[in-house]
PDB file of N, CA and C in Angstrom:
ATOM      1  N   UNK A   1      10.232  21.347  -6.775  1.00  0.00           N
ATOM      2  CA  UNK A   1      10.250  21.172  -5.210  1.00  0.00           C
ATOM      3  C   UNK A   1       8.382  20.957  -5.043  1.00  0.00           C
ATOM      4  N   UNK A   2       8.340  22.086  -5.851  1.00  0.00           N
ATOM      5  CA  UNK A   2       6.401  21.700  -5.621  1.00  0.00           C
ATOM      6  C   UNK A   2       5.721  20.893  -6.026  1.00  0.00           C
ATOM      7  N   UNK A   3       6.220  20.248  -7.388  1.00  0.00           N
ATOM      8  CA  UNK A   3       6.172  19.085  -7.992  1.00  0.00           C
ATOM      9  C   UNK A   3       6.484  18.013  -6.813  1.00  0.00           C
ATOM     10  N   UNK A   4       7.439  17.704  -6.280  1.00  0.00           N
ATOM     11  CA  UNK A   4       7.832  16.633  -5.533  1.00  0.00           C
ATOM     12  C   UNK A   4       6.821  16.767  -4.185  1.00  0.00           C
ATOM     13  N   UNK A   5       6.306  17.683  -3.942  1.00  0.00           N
ATOM     14  CA  UNK A   5       5.341  17.495  -2.692  1.00  0.00           C
ATOM     15  C   UNK A   5       4.168  17.438  -2.972  1.00  0.00           C
ATOM     16  N   UNK A   6       3.829  17.331  -4.490  1.00  0.00           N
ATOM     17  CA  UNK A   6       2.162  17.027  -4.799  1.00  0.00           C
ATOM     18  C   UNK A   6       2.297  15.642  -5.013  1.00  0.00           C
ATOM     19  N   UNK A   7       3.747  15.268  -5.490  1.00  0.00           N
ATOM     20  CA  UNK A   7       3.855  13.666  -5.667  1.00  0.00           C
ATOM     21  C   UNK A   7       3.685  12.922  -4.594  1.00  0.00           C
ATOM     22  N   UNK A   8       4.426  13.319  -3.859  1.00  0.00           N
ATOM     23  CA  UNK A   8       4.122  12.896  -2.264  1.00  0.00           C
ATOM     24  C   UNK A   8       3.051  12.706  -1.690  1.00  0.00           C
ATOM     25  N   UNK A   9       2.141  14.065  -1.811  1.00  0.00           N
ATOM     26  CA  UNK A   9       0.631  13.861  -1.502  1.00  0.00           C
ATOM     27  C   UNK A   9      -0.020  13.170  -1.993  1.00  0.00           C
ATOM     28  N   UNK A  10       0.202  12.800  -3.088  1.00  0.00           N
ATOM     29  CA  UNK A  10      -0.626  11.838  -4.158  1.00  0.00           C
ATOM     30  C   UNK A  10      -0.389  10.183  -3.574  1.00  0.00           C
ATOM     31  N   UNK A  11       1.060  10.457  -3.068  1.00  0.00           N
ATOM     32  CA  UNK A  11       1.354   9.006  -2.839  1.00  0.00           C
ATOM     33  C   UNK A  11       0.954   8.481  -1.311  1.00  0.00           C
ATOM     34  N   UNK A  12       0.871   9.628  -0.570  1.00  0.00           N
ATOM     35  CA  UNK A  12       0.232   9.323   0.932  1.00  0.00           C
ATOM     36  C   UNK A  12      -1.424   9.192   0.549  1.00  0.00           C
ATOM     37  N   UNK A  13      -2.009   9.802  -0.044  1.00  0.00           N
ATOM     38  CA  UNK A  13      -3.487   9.412  -0.683  1.00  0.00           C
ATOM     39  C   UNK A  13      -3.781   8.259  -1.169  1.00  0.00           C
ATOM     40  N   UNK A  14      -2.763   7.673  -1.521  1.00  0.00           N
ATOM     41  CA  UNK A  14      -3.064   6.177  -1.970  1.00  0.00           C
ATOM     42  C   UNK A  14      -2.639   5.522  -0.943  1.00  0.00           C
ATOM     43  N   UNK A  15      -1.730   5.444  -0.425  1.00  0.00           N
ATOM     44  CA  UNK A  15      -1.471   4.546   0.692  1.00  0.00           C
ATOM     45  C   UNK A  15      -2.339   4.540   1.943  1.00  0.00           C
ATOM     46  N   UNK A  16      -2.921   5.679   2.082  1.00  0.00           N
ATOM     47  CA  UNK A  16      -4.280   5.544   3.130  1.00  0.00           C
ATOM     48  C   UNK A  16      -5.419   5.072   2.455  1.00  0.00           C
ATOM     49  N   UNK A  17      -5.738   5.301   1.219  1.00  0.00           N
ATOM     50  CA  UNK A  17      -6.889   4.517   0.737  1.00  0.00           C
ATOM     51  C   UNK A  17      -6.637   2.943   0.704  1.00  0.00           C
ATOM     52  N   UNK A  18      -5.316   2.330   0.522  1.00  0.00           N
ATOM     53  CA  UNK A  18      -5.044   0.771   0.445  1.00  0.00           C
ATOM     54  C   UNK A  18      -4.763   0.666   1.900  1.00  0.00           C
ATOM     55  N   UNK A  19      -4.780   1.350   2.772  1.00  0.00           N
ATOM     56  CA  UNK A  19      -4.698   0.888   4.364  1.00  0.00           C
ATOM     57  C   UNK A  19      -6.110   0.783   4.617  1.00  0.00           C
ATOM     58  N   UNK A  20      -7.323   1.420   4.027  1.00  0.00           N
ATOM     59  CA  UNK A  20      -8.415   1.398   4.626  1.00  0.00           C
ATOM     60  C   UNK A  20      -9.068   0.124   4.158  1.00  0.00           C
ATOM     61  N   UNK A  21      -8.653   0.020   2.499  1.00  0.00           N
ATOM     62  CA  UNK A  21      -8.995  -1.261   2.200  1.00  0.00           C
ATOM     63  C   UNK A  21      -8.726  -2.459   2.761  1.00  0.00           C
ATOM     64  N   UNK A  22      -7.270  -2.469   3.207  1.00  0.00           N
ATOM     65  CA  UNK A  22      -6.717  -3.812   3.574  1.00  0.00           C
ATOM     66  C   UNK A  22      -7.268  -3.970   5.033  1.00  0.00           C
ATOM     67  N   UNK A  23      -7.733  -2.978   5.712  1.00  0.00           N
ATOM     68  CA  UNK A  23      -8.606  -3.063   7.198  1.00  0.00           C
ATOM     69  C   UNK A  23     -10.157  -3.682   6.720  1.00  0.00           C
ATOM     70  N   UNK A  24     -10.780  -3.476   5.822  1.00  0.00           N
ATOM     71  CA  UNK A  24     -12.044  -3.660   5.228  1.00  0.00           C
ATOM     72  C   UNK A  24     -12.474  -5.167   4.854  1.00  0.00           C
ATOM     73  N   UNK A  25     -10.841  -5.802   4.583  1.00  0.00           N
ATOM     74  CA  UNK A  25     -10.949  -7.035   3.814  1.00  0.00           C
ATOM     75  C   UNK A  25     -11.492  -8.193   4.928  1.00  0.00           C
ATOM     76  N   UNK A  26     -10.845  -8.221   6.377  1.00  0.00           N
ATOM     77  CA  UNK A  26     -11.707  -9.272   7.244  1.00  0.00           C
ATOM     78  C   UNK A  26     -13.279  -8.916   7.371  1.00  0.00           C
ATOM     79  N   UNK A  27     -13.637  -7.740   7.610  1.00  0.00           N
ATOM     80  CA  UNK A  27     -15.172  -8.009   8.085  1.00  0.00           C
ATOM     81  C   UNK A  27     -15.829  -7.974   6.254  1.00  0.00           C
ATOM     82  N   UNK A  28     -15.222  -8.070   5.601  1.00  0.00           N
ATOM     83  CA  UNK A  28     -16.255  -8.404   4.280  1.00  0.00           C
ATOM     84  C   UNK A  28     -16.141  -9.839   4.185  1.00  0.00           C
ATOM     85  N   UNK A  29     -14.731 -10.315   4.436  1.00  0.00           N
ATOM     86  CA  UNK A  29     -15.023 -11.615   4.206  1.00  0.00           C
ATOM     87  C   UNK A  29     -15.937 -12.572   5.522  1.00  0.00           C
ATOM     88  N   UNK A  30     -16.082 -11.864   6.558  1.00  0.00           N
ATOM     89  CA  UNK A  30     -16.868 -12.432   7.628  1.00  0.00           C
ATOM     90  C   UNK A  30     -18.433 -12.237   6.941  1.00  0.00           C
ATOM     91  N   UNK A  31     -18.681 -11.448   6.607  1.00  0.00           N
ATOM     92  CA  UNK A  31     -19.947 -10.836   5.878  1.00  0.00           C
ATOM     93  C   UNK A  31     -20.438 -12.144   4.694  1.00  0.00           C
ATOM     94  N   UNK A  32     -19.458 -12.122   3.920  1.00  0.00           N
ATOM     95  CA  UNK A  32     -19.410 -13.292   3.015  1.00  0.00           C
ATOM     96  C   UNK A  32     -19.619 -14.744   3.732  1.00  0.00           C
ATOM     97  N   UNK A  33     -19.073 -15.076   4.776  1.00  0.00           N
ATOM     98  CA  UNK A  33     -19.130 -16.386   5.260  1.00  0.00           C
ATOM     99  C   UNK A  33     -20.808 -16.122   5.936  1.00  0.00           C
ATOM    100  N   UNK A  34     -21.175 -15.449   6.484  1.00  0.00           N
ATOM    101  CA  UNK A  34     -22.815 -15.255   6.973  1.00  0.00           C
ATOM    102  C   UNK A  34     -23.429 -15.247   5.945  1.00  0.00           C
ATOM    103  N   UNK A  35     -23.205 -14.688   5.055  1.00  0.00           N
ATOM    104  CA  UNK A  35     -24.447 -14.750   3.952  1.00  0.00           C
ATOM    105  C   UNK A  35     -24.692 -16.137   3.522  1.00  0.00           C
ATOM    106  N   UNK A  36     -23.254 -16.740   3.660  1.00  0.00           N
ATOM    107  CA  UNK A  36     -23.727 -18.166   2.922  1.00  0.00           C
ATOM    108  C   UNK A  36     -24.429 -19.018   3.953  1.00  0.00           C
ATOM    109  N   UNK A  37     -24.423 -18.709   5.143  1.00  0.00           N
ATOM    110  CA  UNK A  37     -25.381 -19.573   6.118  1.00  0.00           C
ATOM    111  C   UNK A  37     -26.899 -18.920   6.222  1.00  0.00           C
ATOM    112  N   UNK A  38     -26.794 -17.406   6.130  1.00  0.00           N
ATOM    113  CA  UNK A  38     -28.222 -16.660   6.394  1.00  0.00           C
ATOM    114  C   UNK A  38     -27.833 -15.716   4.995  1.00  0.00           C
ATOM    115  N   UNK A  39     -29.021 -16.301   3.941  1.00  0.00           N
ATOM    116  CA  UNK A  39     -29.005 -15.361   2.860  1.00  0.00           C
ATOM    117  C   UNK A  39     -29.574 -14.396   2.805  1.00  0.00           C
ATOM    118  N   UNK A  40     -30.303 -13.821   3.720  1.00  0.00           N
ATOM    119  CA  UNK A  40     -30.748 -12.486   3.930  1.00  0.00           C
ATOM    120  C   UNK A  40     -29.727 -11.392   4.365  1.00  0.00           C
ATOM    121  N   UNK A  41     -28.778 -12.141   5.078  1.00  0.00           N
ATOM    122  CA  UNK A  41     -27.629 -11.199   5.609  1.00  0.00           C
ATOM    123  C   UNK A  41     -27.430 -10.068   5.169  1.00  0.00           C
ATOM    124  N   UNK A  42     -27.390  -8.909   6.036  1.00  0.00           N
ATOM    125  CA  UNK A  42     -26.900  -7.758   5.327  1.00  0.00           C
ATOM    126  C   UNK A  42     -25.276  -7.465   5.470  1.00  0.00           C
ATOM    127  N   UNK A  43     -24.856  -7.393   4.263  1.00  0.00           N
ATOM    128  CA  UNK A  43     -23.367  -7.409   3.890  1.00  0.00           C
ATOM    129  C   UNK A  43     -22.600  -5.847   3.528  1.00  0.00           C
ATOM    130  N   UNK A  44     -23.212  -5.528   4.804  1.00  0.00           N
ATOM    131  CA  UNK A  44     -22.377  -3.882   4.899  1.00  0.00           C
ATOM    132  C   UNK A  44     -21.138  -4.151   4.807  1.00  0.00           C
ATOM    133  N   UNK A  45     -20.205  -4.851   5.295  1.00  0.00           N
ATOM    134  CA  UNK A  45     -18.619  -4.749   4.927  1.00  0.00           C
ATOM    135  C   UNK A  45     -18.337  -5.275   3.587  1.00  0.00           C
ATOM    136  N   UNK A  46     -19.031  -5.909   2.907  1.00  0.00           N
ATOM    137  CA  UNK A  46     -18.600  -6.043   1.385  1.00  0.00           C
ATOM    138  C   UNK A  46     -18.846  -4.590   0.812  1.00  0.00           C
ATOM    139  N   UNK A  47     -20.256  -3.844   1.341  1.00  0.00           N
ATOM    140  CA  UNK A  47     -20.309  -2.769   0.550  1.00  0.00           C
ATOM    141  C   UNK A  47     -19.509  -1.586   0.437  1.00  0.00           C
ATOM    142  N   UNK A  48     -18.758  -1.886   2.382  1.00  0.00           N
ATOM    143  CA  UNK A  48     -17.892  -0.840   2.445  1.00  0.00           C
ATOM    144  C   UNK A  48     -16.531  -1.149   1.631  1.00  0.00           C
ATOM    145  N   UNK A  49     -16.117  -2.176   1.326  1.00  0.00           N
ATOM    146  CA  UNK A  49     -14.761  -2.693   0.456  1.00  0.00           C
ATOM    147  C   UNK A  49     -15.306  -2.396  -0.910  1.00  0.00           C
ATOM    148  N   UNK A  50     -16.355  -2.486  -1.387  1.00  0.00           N
ATOM    149  CA  UNK A  50     -16.444  -1.920  -2.704  1.00  0.00           C
ATOM    150  C   UNK A  50     -16.272  -0.485  -2.818  1.00  0.00           C
ATOM    151  N   UNK A  51     -16.816   0.063  -1.865  1.00  0.00           N
ATOM    152  CA  UNK A  51     -16.992   1.523  -2.001  1.00  0.00           C
ATOM    153  C   UNK A  51     -15.126   2.149  -1.772  1.00  0.00           C
ATOM    154  N   UNK A  52     -14.568   1.318  -1.048  1.00  0.00           N
ATOM    155  CA  UNK A  52     -13.055   1.692  -0.608  1.00  0.00           C
ATOM    156  C   UNK A  52     -12.513   1.253  -2.188  1.00  0.00           C
ATOM    157  N   UNK A  53     -12.501   0.048  -2.645  1.00  0.00           N
ATOM    158  CA  UNK A  53     -12.254  -0.167  -3.839  1.00  0.00           C
ATOM    159  C   UNK A  53     -12.281   0.835  -5.112  1.00  0.00           C
ATOM    160  N   UNK A  54     -13.366   1.582  -5.081  1.00  0.00           N
ATOM    161  CA  UNK A  54     -13.808   2.336  -6.182  1.00  0.00           C
ATOM    162  C   UNK A  54     -13.353   3.648  -5.838  1.00  0.00           C
ATOM    163  N   UNK A  55     -12.949   4.054  -4.751  1.00  0.00           N
ATOM    164  CA  UNK A  55     -12.001   5.123  -4.312  1.00  0.00           C
ATOM    165  C   UNK A  55     -10.659   5.141  -5.009  1.00  0.00           C
ATOM    166  N   UNK A  56     -10.155   3.787  -4.473  1.00  0.00           N
ATOM    167  CA  UNK A  56      -8.905   3.376  -4.963  1.00  0.00           C
ATOM    168  C   UNK A  56      -8.515   3.390  -6.563  1.00  0.00           C
ATOM    169  N   UNK A  57      -9.777   2.919  -7.246  1.00  0.00           N
ATOM    170  CA  UNK A  57      -9.768   3.486  -8.879  1.00  0.00           C
ATOM    171  C   UNK A  57      -9.664   4.495  -9.009  1.00  0.00           C
ATOM    172  N   UNK A  58     -10.680   5.236  -8.331  1.00  0.00           N
ATOM    173  CA  UNK A  58     -10.583   7.042  -8.931  1.00  0.00           C
ATOM    174  C   UNK A  58      -9.358   7.585  -8.217  1.00  0.00           C
ATOM    175  N   UNK A  59      -8.578   7.176  -7.715  1.00  0.00           N
ATOM    176  CA  UNK A  59      -6.964   8.014  -7.473  1.00  0.00           C
ATOM    177  C   UNK A  59      -6.356   7.486  -7.995  1.00  0.00           C
ATOM    178  N   UNK A  60      -6.174   6.025  -8.502  1.00  0.00           N
ATOM    179  CA  UNK A  60      -5.290   5.350  -9.744  1.00  0.00           C
ATOM    180  C   UNK A  60      -5.539   6.154 -11.187  1.00  0.00           C
ATOM    181  N   UNK A  61      -7.080   6.451 -11.036  1.00  0.00           N
ATOM    182  CA  UNK A  61      -7.042   7.233 -12.470  1.00  0.00           C
ATOM    183  C   UNK A  61      -6.797   8.754 -12.865  1.00  0.00           C
ATOM    184  N   UNK A  62      -6.727   9.379 -11.389  1.00  0.00           N
ATOM    185  CA  UNK A  62      -6.432  10.639 -11.420  1.00  0.00           C
ATOM    186  C   UNK A  62      -4.735  10.823 -11.270  1.00  0.00           C
ATOM    187  N   UNK A  63      -4.224   9.781 -10.862  1.00  0.00           N
ATOM    188  CA  UNK A  63      -2.516   9.743 -11.031  1.00  0.00           C
ATOM    189  C   UNK A  63      -2.302   9.333 -12.389  1.00  0.00           C
ATOM    190  N   UNK A  64      -2.847   8.832 -13.065  1.00  0.00           N
ATOM    191  CA  UNK A  64      -2.509   8.416 -14.513  1.00  0.00           C
ATOM    192  C   UNK A  64      -2.718   9.576 -15.453  1.00  0.00           C
ATOM    193  N   UNK A  65      -3.456  10.291 -15.054  1.00  0.00           N
ATOM    194  CA  UNK A  65      -3.964  11.826 -15.945  1.00  0.00           C
ATOM    195  C   UNK A  65      -2.580  12.562 -15.315  1.00  0.00           C
ATOM    196  N   UNK A  66      -2.215  12.787 -14.421  1.00  0.00           N
ATOM    197  CA  UNK A  66      -0.809  13.612 -13.892  1.00  0.00           C
ATOM    198  C   UNK A  66      -0.109  13.494 -14.398  1.00  0.00           C
ATOM    199  N   UNK A  67       0.432  12.301 -14.876  1.00  0.00           N
ATOM    200  CA  UNK A  67       1.667  11.715 -15.145  1.00  0.00           C
ATOM    201  C   UNK A  67       1.994  12.244 -16.826  1.00  0.00           C
TER     202      UNK A  67
END
């Protein structure tokens, strides 16, 4: 039972990280479009998306280790 709860908690963390990443995609794409027109544009949305993707990678690696 305890193992099932840990797996559920891991799954919830991954789903939350995926949701966060999904919501960061539109602002990141908008930043890229603006950067094409204005090369000095600050691409904060892209940086946030990258950070979220790195977090997803870390969660995936942790899940692989626990299997």
